[in-house]
Amino acid sequence: MKDKILIVDDEQEIADLVSLYLTNEGFQVFKFFNGTDAWNCIQSEKLDLAILDVMLPDMSGFQLCQKLREEHQYPVIMLTAKGEEIDKINGLALGADDYITKPFLPLEMVARVKAQLRRYKRYNAGADNEDDVITYSGLVLNIRTHECSLNEKPLSLTPTEFSILRILCQKKGEVVSSEELFHEIWGNEYFSKSNNTITVHIRHLREKMGDSFENPKYIKTVWGCGYKIEK
């Protein structure tokens, strides 16, 4: 069965180009030029990934991402204007898994889509065994079902947030650098990305967990080295 990809961009040339490349790679593409039509598609189709432009005529890509995250956990890639760092940070904070800056190479977009889908499927289709469940101080992660709870209360995590938390929990007691997290989650396609992406995801994780930045109980920053969860 073909993976279903949503593309939303009011610049028709960009939407058409991305659609062409993804279709040639065997994906089923749903293409829209405004947020309203895209939202109707989100509600009616079982999608595998969404590509959302920040600037849309009827609603922002941020609003669309936020609405999507209330019901779905599949990967979201945001399209941002060149140099708009605040757009990248806002998108990640609202639940996006990745961003790509315009103008971009279509093949780079295809590579990122494939990387996100690989990661999402890998961490949602584990085998049934005791290693599927990770527990730590009230925190429970089910690798197979992609569910997480803290002190018996469910946490709604994006695929990237879940992956970061899983890696840190599996390496309890070890310091994991931002570069290692990139490699584990996205692979070599992301070797040139800014460490700021991981920083934003960590901050968002702490907010959802009610963890303090100054005196964290779970995710601790080891300055100049990375992050860790104590053993």
C-alpha atoms as a PDB file:
ATOM      1  CA  MET A   1       0.000   0.000   0.000  1.00  0.00           C
ATOM      2  CA  LYS A   2       1.283   3.450  -0.924  1.00  0.00           C
ATOM      3  CA  ASP A   3       2.109   5.928   1.835  1.00  0.00           C
ATOM      4  CA  LYS A   4      -0.245   8.919   1.740  1.00  0.00           C
ATOM      5  CA  ILE A   5       1.402  12.355   1.804  1.00  0.00           C
ATOM      6  CA  LEU A   6      -0.392  15.682   2.282  1.00  0.00           C
ATOM      7  CA  ILE A   7       1.112  18.788   0.649  1.00  0.00           C
ATOM      8  CA  VAL A   8      -0.253  22.251   1.475  1.00  0.00           C
ATOM      9  CA  ASP A   9       1.307  25.286  -0.196  1.00  0.00           C
ATOM     10  CA  ASP A  10      -0.381  28.307  -1.783  1.00  0.00           C
ATOM     11  CA  GLU A  11       2.489  28.583  -4.281  1.00  0.00           C
ATOM     12  CA  GLN A  12       1.163  26.212  -6.924  1.00  0.00           C
ATOM     13  CA  GLU A  13       4.507  25.768  -8.667  1.00  0.00           C
ATOM     14  CA  ILE A  14       6.129  24.512  -5.464  1.00  0.00           C
ATOM     15  CA  ALA A  15       3.199  22.239  -4.608  1.00  0.00           C
ATOM     16  CA  ASP A  16       3.177  20.820  -8.137  1.00  0.00           C
ATOM     17  CA  LEU A  17       6.933  20.213  -8.115  1.00  0.00           C
ATOM     18  CA  VAL A  18       6.963  18.451  -4.736  1.00  0.00           C
ATOM     19  CA  SER A  19       3.913  16.433  -5.758  1.00  0.00           C
ATOM     20  CA  LEU A  20       5.613  15.325  -8.977  1.00  0.00           C
ATOM     21  CA  TYR A  21       8.769  14.126  -7.223  1.00  0.00           C
ATOM     22  CA  LEU A  22       6.880  12.310  -4.463  1.00  0.00           C
ATOM     23  CA  THR A  23       4.510  10.680  -6.940  1.00  0.00           C
ATOM     24  CA  ASN A  24       7.493   9.465  -8.963  1.00  0.00           C
ATOM     25  CA  GLU A  25       8.823   7.868  -5.764  1.00  0.00           C
ATOM     26  CA  GLY A  26       5.626   5.857  -5.395  1.00  0.00           C
ATOM     27  CA  PHE A  27       3.767   7.973  -2.829  1.00  0.00           C
ATOM     28  CA  GLN A  28       0.075   8.840  -3.034  1.00  0.00           C
ATOM     29  CA  VAL A  29      -0.121  12.631  -2.841  1.00  0.00           C
ATOM     30  CA  PHE A  30      -2.972  14.884  -1.707  1.00  0.00           C
ATOM     31  CA  LYS A  31      -2.236  18.444  -2.828  1.00  0.00           C
ATOM     32  CA  PHE A  32      -3.988  21.606  -1.644  1.00  0.00           C
ATOM     33  CA  PHE A  33      -3.387  25.354  -1.808  1.00  0.00           C
ATOM     34  CA  ASN A  34      -5.226  26.444   1.361  1.00  0.00           C
ATOM     35  CA  GLY A  35      -5.683  25.268   4.913  1.00  0.00           C
ATOM     36  CA  THR A  36      -9.439  24.658   4.795  1.00  0.00           C
ATOM     37  CA  ASP A  37      -9.291  22.086   2.007  1.00  0.00           C
ATOM     38  CA  ALA A  38      -6.244  20.505   3.636  1.00  0.00           C
ATOM     39  CA  TRP A  39      -8.061  20.185   6.965  1.00  0.00           C
ATOM     40  CA  ASN A  40     -10.986  18.448   5.263  1.00  0.00           C
ATOM     41  CA  CYS A  41      -8.480  15.973   3.808  1.00  0.00           C
ATOM     42  CA  ILE A  42      -6.847  15.446   7.216  1.00  0.00           C
ATOM     43  CA  GLN A  43     -10.228  14.532   8.658  1.00  0.00           C
ATOM     44  CA  SER A  44     -11.281  12.220   5.834  1.00  0.00           C
ATOM     45  CA  GLU A  45      -8.053  10.440   4.844  1.00  0.00           C
ATOM     46  CA  LYS A  46      -5.692   8.204   6.816  1.00  0.00           C
ATOM     47  CA  LEU A  47      -2.456  10.044   6.088  1.00  0.00           C
ATOM     48  CA  ASP A  48       1.137   9.008   6.792  1.00  0.00           C
ATOM     49  CA  LEU A  49       2.877  12.418   6.656  1.00  0.00           C
ATOM     50  CA  ALA A  50       2.027  16.096   6.118  1.00  0.00           C
ATOM     51  CA  ILE A  51       4.054  18.890   4.507  1.00  0.00           C
ATOM     52  CA  LEU A  52       2.689  22.292   5.599  1.00  0.00           C
ATOM     53  CA  ASP A  53       3.700  25.724   4.350  1.00  0.00           C
ATOM     54  CA  VAL A  54       3.738  28.388   7.058  1.00  0.00           C
ATOM     55  CA  MET A  55       2.059  31.057   4.904  1.00  0.00           C
ATOM     56  CA  LEU A  56      -1.423  30.059   3.701  1.00  0.00           C
ATOM     57  CA  PRO A  57      -4.267  32.342   2.522  1.00  0.00           C
ATOM     58  CA  ASP A  58      -6.945  31.318   5.053  1.00  0.00           C
ATOM     59  CA  MET A  59      -5.001  30.054   8.093  1.00  0.00           C
ATOM     60  CA  SER A  60      -1.354  29.718   8.983  1.00  0.00           C
ATOM     61  CA  GLY A  61       0.531  26.470   8.740  1.00  0.00           C
ATOM     62  CA  PHE A  62       1.077  26.806  12.492  1.00  0.00           C
ATOM     63  CA  GLN A  63      -2.679  26.744  13.109  1.00  0.00           C
ATOM     64  CA  LEU A  64      -3.103  23.769  10.817  1.00  0.00           C
ATOM     65  CA  CYS A  65      -0.262  21.902  12.536  1.00  0.00           C
ATOM     66  CA  GLN A  66      -1.739  22.601  15.953  1.00  0.00           C
ATOM     67  CA  LYS A  67      -5.175  21.309  14.906  1.00  0.00           C
ATOM     68  CA  LEU A  68      -3.621  18.245  13.300  1.00  0.00           C
ATOM     69  CA  ARG A  69      -1.638  17.410  16.444  1.00  0.00           C
ATOM     70  CA  GLU A  70      -4.813  17.319  18.530  1.00  0.00           C
ATOM     71  CA  GLU A  71      -5.843  14.140  16.706  1.00  0.00           C
ATOM     72  CA  HIS A  72      -2.855  12.671  14.836  1.00  0.00           C
ATOM     73  CA  GLN A  73       0.772  11.712  15.564  1.00  0.00           C
ATOM     74  CA  TYR A  74       2.210  11.080  12.089  1.00  0.00           C
ATOM     75  CA  PRO A  75       5.222  13.196  11.017  1.00  0.00           C
ATOM     76  CA  VAL A  76       4.819  16.848  10.009  1.00  0.00           C
ATOM     77  CA  ILE A  77       7.359  18.823   7.968  1.00  0.00           C
ATOM     78  CA  MET A  78       7.020  22.619   7.908  1.00  0.00           C
ATOM     79  CA  LEU A  79       8.052  24.785   4.964  1.00  0.00           C
ATOM     80  CA  THR A  80       9.539  28.109   6.118  1.00  0.00           C
ATOM     81  CA  ALA A  81      10.821  31.260   4.431  1.00  0.00           C
ATOM     82  CA  LYS A  82      14.571  31.706   4.100  1.00  0.00           C
ATOM     83  CA  GLY A  83      16.142  33.040   7.288  1.00  0.00           C
ATOM     84  CA  GLU A  84      12.937  32.954   9.349  1.00  0.00           C
ATOM     85  CA  GLU A  85      14.379  31.180  12.402  1.00  0.00           C
ATOM     86  CA  ILE A  86      11.336  32.071  14.522  1.00  0.00           C
ATOM     87  CA  ASP A  87       9.112  30.132  12.104  1.00  0.00           C
ATOM     88  CA  LYS A  88      11.237  27.041  12.615  1.00  0.00           C
ATOM     89  CA  ILE A  89      11.102  27.345  16.397  1.00  0.00           C
ATOM     90  CA  ASN A  90       7.333  27.994  16.406  1.00  0.00           C
ATOM     91  CA  GLY A  91       6.685  25.035  14.132  1.00  0.00           C
ATOM     92  CA  LEU A  92       8.692  22.641  16.292  1.00  0.00           C
ATOM     93  CA  ALA A  93       7.035  23.945  19.448  1.00  0.00           C
ATOM     94  CA  LEU A  94       3.585  23.244  17.979  1.00  0.00           C
ATOM     95  CA  GLY A  95       4.462  19.658  17.175  1.00  0.00           C
ATOM     96  CA  ALA A  96       6.231  19.648  13.818  1.00  0.00           C
ATOM     97  CA  ASP A  97       8.962  17.035  13.440  1.00  0.00           C
ATOM     98  CA  ASP A  98      11.141  18.831  10.913  1.00  0.00           C
ATOM     99  CA  TYR A  99      11.369  21.962   8.780  1.00  0.00           C
ATOM    100  CA  ILE A 100      12.834  22.804   5.414  1.00  0.00           C
ATOM    101  CA  THR A 101      13.706  26.284   4.199  1.00  0.00           C
ATOM    102  CA  LYS A 102      12.648  27.672   0.824  1.00  0.00           C
ATOM    103  CA  PRO A 103      14.115  27.506  -1.747  1.00  0.00           C
ATOM    104  CA  PHE A 104      14.986  23.831  -1.469  1.00  0.00           C
ATOM    105  CA  LEU A 105      16.028  20.984  -3.721  1.00  0.00           C
ATOM    106  CA  PRO A 106      13.144  18.574  -4.437  1.00  0.00           C
ATOM    107  CA  LEU A 107      15.445  15.601  -3.869  1.00  0.00           C
ATOM    108  CA  GLU A 108      16.247  16.943  -0.389  1.00  0.00           C
ATOM    109  CA  MET A 109      12.523  17.080   0.363  1.00  0.00           C
ATOM    110  CA  VAL A 110      12.103  13.487  -0.836  1.00  0.00           C
ATOM    111  CA  ALA A 111      15.021  12.374   1.375  1.00  0.00           C
ATOM    112  CA  ARG A 112      13.527  14.025   4.435  1.00  0.00           C
ATOM    113  CA  VAL A 113      10.099  12.554   3.782  1.00  0.00           C
ATOM    114  CA  LYS A 114      11.608   9.074   3.520  1.00  0.00           C
ATOM    115  CA  ALA A 115      13.680   9.579   6.672  1.00  0.00           C
ATOM    116  CA  GLN A 116      10.642  10.678   8.682  1.00  0.00           C
ATOM    117  CA  LEU A 117       8.540   7.759   7.458  1.00  0.00           C
ATOM    118  CA  ARG A 118      11.316   5.236   8.195  1.00  0.00           C
ATOM    119  CA  ARG A 119      11.703   6.494  11.724  1.00  0.00           C
ATOM    120  CA  TYR A 120       7.977   6.692  12.394  1.00  0.00           C
ATOM    121  CA  LYS A 121       7.320   3.167  11.144  1.00  0.00           C
ATOM    122  CA  ARG A 122      10.360   1.723  12.902  1.00  0.00           C
ATOM    123  CA  TYR A 123       9.280   3.007  16.283  1.00  0.00           C
ATOM    124  CA  ASN A 124       5.624   2.059  15.793  1.00  0.00           C
ATOM    125  CA  ALA A 125       6.053  -1.525  14.641  1.00  0.00           C
ATOM    126  CA  GLY A 126       8.318  -3.248  17.138  1.00  0.00           C
ATOM    127  CA  ALA A 127       8.055  -6.908  18.052  1.00  0.00           C
ATOM    128  CA  ASP A 128       6.123  -8.085  21.081  1.00  0.00           C
ATOM    129  CA  ASN A 129       8.729  -8.544  23.801  1.00  0.00           C
ATOM    130  CA  GLU A 130       9.706  -7.133  27.175  1.00  0.00           C
ATOM    131  CA  ASP A 131      11.971  -4.549  25.565  1.00  0.00           C
ATOM    132  CA  ASP A 132       8.883  -2.877  24.073  1.00  0.00           C
ATOM    133  CA  VAL A 133       8.181  -1.165  27.410  1.00  0.00           C
ATOM    134  CA  ILE A 134      10.621   1.222  29.093  1.00  0.00           C
ATOM    135  CA  THR A 135       9.952   2.430  32.627  1.00  0.00           C
ATOM    136  CA  TYR A 136      11.735   5.052  34.677  1.00  0.00           C
ATOM    137  CA  SER A 137      10.575   6.894  37.801  1.00  0.00           C
ATOM    138  CA  GLY A 138       6.882   7.024  36.870  1.00  0.00           C
ATOM    139  CA  LEU A 139       7.621   7.341  33.148  1.00  0.00           C
ATOM    140  CA  VAL A 140       6.366   4.523  30.890  1.00  0.00           C
ATOM    141  CA  LEU A 141       7.106   4.276  27.158  1.00  0.00           C
ATOM    142  CA  ASN A 142       5.552   1.544  25.041  1.00  0.00           C
ATOM    143  CA  ILE A 143       7.736   1.297  21.923  1.00  0.00           C
ATOM    144  CA  ARG A 144       5.310  -0.914  20.024  1.00  0.00           C
ATOM    145  CA  THR A 145       2.184   1.191  20.548  1.00  0.00           C
ATOM    146  CA  HIS A 146       4.028   4.534  20.663  1.00  0.00           C
ATOM    147  CA  GLU A 147       2.250   5.429  23.920  1.00  0.00           C
ATOM    148  CA  CYS A 148       3.785   7.327  26.813  1.00  0.00           C
ATOM    149  CA  SER A 149       2.563   8.122  30.295  1.00  0.00           C
ATOM    150  CA  LEU A 150       3.959   9.920  33.308  1.00  0.00           C
ATOM    151  CA  ASN A 151       2.669   9.047  36.766  1.00  0.00           C
ATOM    152  CA  GLU A 152      -0.201   7.178  35.055  1.00  0.00           C
ATOM    153  CA  LYS A 153      -1.230  10.240  33.047  1.00  0.00           C
ATOM    154  CA  PRO A 154      -0.893   9.959  29.236  1.00  0.00           C
ATOM    155  CA  LEU A 155       1.567  12.255  27.475  1.00  0.00           C
ATOM    156  CA  SER A 156       0.772  13.304  23.907  1.00  0.00           C
ATOM    157  CA  LEU A 157       4.155  13.284  22.164  1.00  0.00           C
ATOM    158  CA  THR A 158       5.091  13.874  18.552  1.00  0.00           C
ATOM    159  CA  PRO A 159       7.061  11.090  16.826  1.00  0.00           C
ATOM    160  CA  THR A 160      10.286  13.084  17.238  1.00  0.00           C
ATOM    161  CA  GLU A 161       9.661  13.827  20.916  1.00  0.00           C
ATOM    162  CA  PHE A 162       8.898  10.159  21.560  1.00  0.00           C
ATOM    163  CA  SER A 163      12.076   9.117  19.741  1.00  0.00           C
ATOM    164  CA  ILE A 164      14.268  11.508  21.733  1.00  0.00           C
ATOM    165  CA  LEU A 165      12.799  10.314  25.023  1.00  0.00           C
ATOM    166  CA  ARG A 166      13.150   6.672  23.994  1.00  0.00           C
ATOM    167  CA  ILE A 167      16.833   7.101  23.099  1.00  0.00           C
ATOM    168  CA  LEU A 168      17.631   8.899  26.348  1.00  0.00           C
ATOM    169  CA  CYS A 169      15.800   6.269  28.411  1.00  0.00           C
ATOM    170  CA  GLN A 170      17.489   3.385  26.614  1.00  0.00           C
ATOM    171  CA  LYS A 171      20.857   5.017  27.323  1.00  0.00           C
ATOM    172  CA  LYS A 172      20.159   5.878  30.939  1.00  0.00           C
ATOM    173  CA  GLY A 173      23.266   7.175  32.659  1.00  0.00           C
ATOM    174  CA  GLU A 174      25.001   8.023  29.365  1.00  0.00           C
ATOM    175  CA  VAL A 175      25.368  11.503  27.889  1.00  0.00           C
ATOM    176  CA  VAL A 176      23.875  11.656  24.388  1.00  0.00           C
ATOM    177  CA  SER A 177      25.015  14.543  22.194  1.00  0.00           C
ATOM    178  CA  SER A 178      22.745  16.451  19.829  1.00  0.00           C
ATOM    179  CA  GLU A 179      24.713  14.967  16.931  1.00  0.00           C
ATOM    180  CA  GLU A 180      24.035  11.436  18.192  1.00  0.00           C
ATOM    181  CA  LEU A 181      20.335  12.197  18.531  1.00  0.00           C
ATOM    182  CA  PHE A 182      20.252  13.509  14.956  1.00  0.00           C
ATOM    183  CA  HIS A 183      21.974  10.391  13.651  1.00  0.00           C
ATOM    184  CA  GLU A 184      19.715   8.045  15.634  1.00  0.00           C
ATOM    185  CA  ILE A 185      16.492   9.780  14.627  1.00  0.00           C
ATOM    186  CA  TRP A 186      17.043  11.153  11.134  1.00  0.00           C
ATOM    187  CA  GLY A 187      20.143   9.475   9.781  1.00  0.00           C
ATOM    188  CA  ASN A 188      22.879  11.013   7.679  1.00  0.00           C
ATOM    189  CA  GLU A 189      20.447  13.194   5.721  1.00  0.00           C
ATOM    190  CA  TYR A 190      20.562  15.635   8.618  1.00  0.00           C
ATOM    191  CA  PHE A 191      24.269  16.012   9.227  1.00  0.00           C
ATOM    192  CA  SER A 192      24.221  19.766   8.477  1.00  0.00           C
ATOM    193  CA  LYS A 193      21.174  20.758  10.534  1.00  0.00           C
ATOM    194  CA  SER A 194      21.391  23.121  13.476  1.00  0.00           C
ATOM    195  CA  ASN A 195      21.495  21.759  17.012  1.00  0.00           C
ATOM    196  CA  ASN A 196      18.751  24.282  17.767  1.00  0.00           C
ATOM    197  CA  THR A 197      16.219  21.737  16.492  1.00  0.00           C
ATOM    198  CA  ILE A 198      17.063  19.283  19.270  1.00  0.00           C
ATOM    199  CA  THR A 199      17.090  22.101  21.827  1.00  0.00           C
ATOM    200  CA  VAL A 200      13.536  23.090  20.928  1.00  0.00           C
ATOM    201  CA  HIS A 201      12.291  19.494  21.060  1.00  0.00           C
ATOM    202  CA  ILE A 202      13.930  18.986  24.468  1.00  0.00           C
ATOM    203  CA  ARG A 203      12.327  22.172  25.773  1.00  0.00           C
ATOM    204  CA  HIS A 204       8.930  21.082  24.526  1.00  0.00           C
ATOM    205  CA  LEU A 205       9.379  17.651  26.101  1.00  0.00           C
ATOM    206  CA  ARG A 206      10.202  19.216  29.451  1.00  0.00           C
ATOM    207  CA  GLU A 207       7.099  21.414  29.239  1.00  0.00           C
ATOM    208  CA  LYS A 208       4.858  18.419  28.570  1.00  0.00           C
ATOM    209  CA  MET A 209       6.464  16.472  31.409  1.00  0.00           C
ATOM    210  CA  GLY A 210       6.301  19.394  33.817  1.00  0.00           C
ATOM    211  CA  ASP A 211      10.064  19.132  34.200  1.00  0.00           C
ATOM    212  CA  SER A 212      12.135  22.075  35.395  1.00  0.00           C
ATOM    213  CA  PHE A 213      14.941  23.474  33.262  1.00  0.00           C
ATOM    214  CA  GLU A 214      16.864  24.697  36.322  1.00  0.00           C
ATOM    215  CA  ASN A 215      16.494  21.494  38.349  1.00  0.00           C
ATOM    216  CA  PRO A 216      15.186  18.765  36.025  1.00  0.00           C
ATOM    217  CA  LYS A 217      14.088  15.402  37.379  1.00  0.00           C
ATOM    218  CA  TYR A 218      14.234  13.645  34.034  1.00  0.00           C
ATOM    219  CA  ILE A 219      16.116  15.212  31.107  1.00  0.00           C
ATOM    220  CA  LYS A 220      19.332  16.826  32.290  1.00  0.00           C
ATOM    221  CA  THR A 221      21.581  19.076  30.212  1.00  0.00           C
ATOM    222  CA  VAL A 222      25.292  18.345  30.374  1.00  0.00           C
ATOM    223  CA  TRP A 223      26.712  21.623  29.115  1.00  0.00           C
ATOM    224  CA  GLY A 224      28.970  21.287  26.109  1.00  0.00           C
ATOM    225  CA  CYS A 225      28.214  17.569  25.825  1.00  0.00           C
ATOM    226  CA  GLY A 226      24.504  16.818  25.398  1.00  0.00           C
ATOM    227  CA  TYR A 227      21.639  15.361  27.417  1.00  0.00           C
ATOM    228  CA  LYS A 228      21.068  12.423  29.724  1.00  0.00           C
ATOM    229  CA  ILE A 229      18.629  10.698  32.027  1.00  0.00           C
ATOM    230  CA  GLU A 230      20.182   9.505  35.263  1.00  0.00           C
ATOM    231  CA  LYS A 231      20.420   5.773  35.873  1.00  0.00           C
END
